[in-house]
Amino acid sequence: MHLCLSLCELERIKRWHVAHRLDHPLEHQLWDGMLTFWVMGWVGCVPAFFAQALWLVPLCGAGIMAPTLYVRWRRKVHNAHRLRCDWLGPED
């Protein structure tokens, strides 16, 4: 199990969501939200550290981990047959 998703995995999932955005608009928006949290986490770490707002660093870490946690949750409910997830790859 990986600690974080690779850029290739992020791209593969994003391509699926873009290709199926008309069929699955909510999933498309949720994935865009996860990527937004991911970018905010990476961009916010350094300013939070230098502004001495260290209480923001854990939030930035959570943002960085948001896509990975979302994919793990979706894999878990997919494997439990509670929610179908077509964008999971064969290795997922």
Protein backbone atom coordinates (compact mmCIF):
# COMPACT_ATOMS: atom_id res chain seq x y z
CA MET A 1 0.00 0.00 0.00
CA HIS A 2 1.37 3.38 -1.01
CA LEU A 3 1.60 6.33 1.33
CA CYS A 4 0.68 8.78 -1.45
CA LEU A 5 -0.67 8.49 -4.96
CA SER A 6 1.83 8.95 -7.76
CA LEU A 7 1.35 11.68 -10.34
CA CYS A 8 0.60 8.95 -12.91
CA GLU A 9 -2.21 7.63 -10.73
CA LEU A 10 -3.59 11.14 -10.17
CA GLU A 11 -3.51 11.74 -13.92
CA ARG A 12 -5.14 8.40 -14.75
CA ILE A 13 -8.00 9.08 -12.35
CA LYS A 14 -8.40 12.66 -13.59
CA ARG A 15 -8.52 11.48 -17.23
CA TRP A 16 -11.28 9.00 -16.35
CA HIS A 17 -13.29 11.71 -14.60
CA VAL A 18 -12.90 14.13 -17.52
CA ALA A 19 -13.90 11.45 -20.02
CA HIS A 20 -17.00 10.55 -17.97
CA ARG A 21 -17.92 13.98 -16.60
CA LEU A 22 -21.33 13.99 -18.29
CA ASP A 23 -22.22 10.53 -16.97
CA HIS A 24 -20.79 11.12 -13.46
CA PRO A 25 -20.86 14.89 -12.75
CA LEU A 26 -20.76 14.53 -8.95
CA GLU A 27 -17.73 12.24 -9.05
CA HIS A 28 -16.03 14.68 -11.42
CA GLN A 29 -16.63 17.56 -9.00
CA LEU A 30 -15.54 15.52 -5.97
CA TRP A 31 -12.27 14.62 -7.66
CA ASP A 32 -11.68 18.25 -8.61
CA GLY A 33 -12.24 19.10 -4.94
CA MET A 34 -9.68 16.51 -3.86
CA LEU A 35 -7.15 17.93 -6.33
CA THR A 36 -7.89 21.44 -5.07
CA PHE A 37 -7.18 20.36 -1.48
CA TRP A 38 -4.00 18.66 -2.70
CA VAL A 39 -2.72 21.82 -4.43
CA MET A 40 -3.72 24.01 -1.47
CA GLY A 41 -1.80 21.69 0.84
CA TRP A 42 1.39 21.85 -1.20
CA VAL A 43 1.17 25.59 -1.84
CA GLY A 44 0.27 26.46 1.76
CA CYS A 45 3.03 24.60 3.61
CA VAL A 46 5.89 27.03 3.06
CA PRO A 47 3.91 30.25 3.69
CA ALA A 48 2.37 28.74 6.83
CA PHE A 49 5.81 27.81 8.11
CA PHE A 50 7.41 31.19 7.38
CA ALA A 51 4.39 33.12 8.71
CA GLN A 52 4.83 31.12 11.93
CA ALA A 53 1.28 29.85 11.60
CA LEU A 54 2.37 26.34 12.48
CA TRP A 55 -1.19 25.35 13.32
CA LEU A 56 -1.83 25.40 9.54
CA VAL A 57 0.88 22.84 8.76
CA PRO A 58 -1.26 19.83 9.82
CA LEU A 59 -4.11 21.17 7.68
CA CYS A 60 -1.71 21.42 4.75
CA GLY A 61 -0.64 17.83 5.41
CA ALA A 62 -4.28 16.75 5.40
CA GLY A 63 -4.75 18.55 2.09
CA ILE A 64 -1.75 16.78 0.62
CA MET A 65 -3.18 13.43 1.71
CA ALA A 66 -6.79 14.18 0.63
CA PRO A 67 -6.68 12.39 -2.77
CA THR A 68 -4.97 9.33 -1.28
CA LEU A 69 -7.48 9.10 1.57
CA TYR A 70 -10.37 9.54 -0.86
CA VAL A 71 -9.09 6.76 -3.13
CA ARG A 72 -8.58 4.44 -0.13
CA TRP A 73 -12.11 5.12 1.09
CA ARG A 74 -13.57 4.56 -2.39
CA ARG A 75 -11.58 1.31 -2.76
CA LYS A 76 -12.87 0.10 0.60
CA VAL A 77 -16.55 0.73 -0.19
CA HIS A 78 -16.10 -0.63 -3.73
CA ASN A 79 -14.62 -3.87 -2.42
CA ALA A 80 -17.47 -4.11 0.10
CA HIS A 81 -19.92 -3.80 -2.86
CA ARG A 82 -21.51 -0.72 -1.29
CA LEU A 83 -20.51 1.77 -4.00
CA ARG A 84 -19.39 1.06 -7.55
CA CYS A 85 -16.16 2.74 -8.58
CA ASP A 86 -15.26 2.32 -12.26
CA TRP A 87 -12.15 4.51 -12.14
CA LEU A 88 -10.20 2.22 -9.83
CA GLY A 89 -7.36 0.68 -11.77
CA PRO A 90 -6.56 -3.04 -11.95
CA GLU A 91 -3.91 -2.62 -9.23
CA ASP A 92 -6.47 -0.96 -6.97
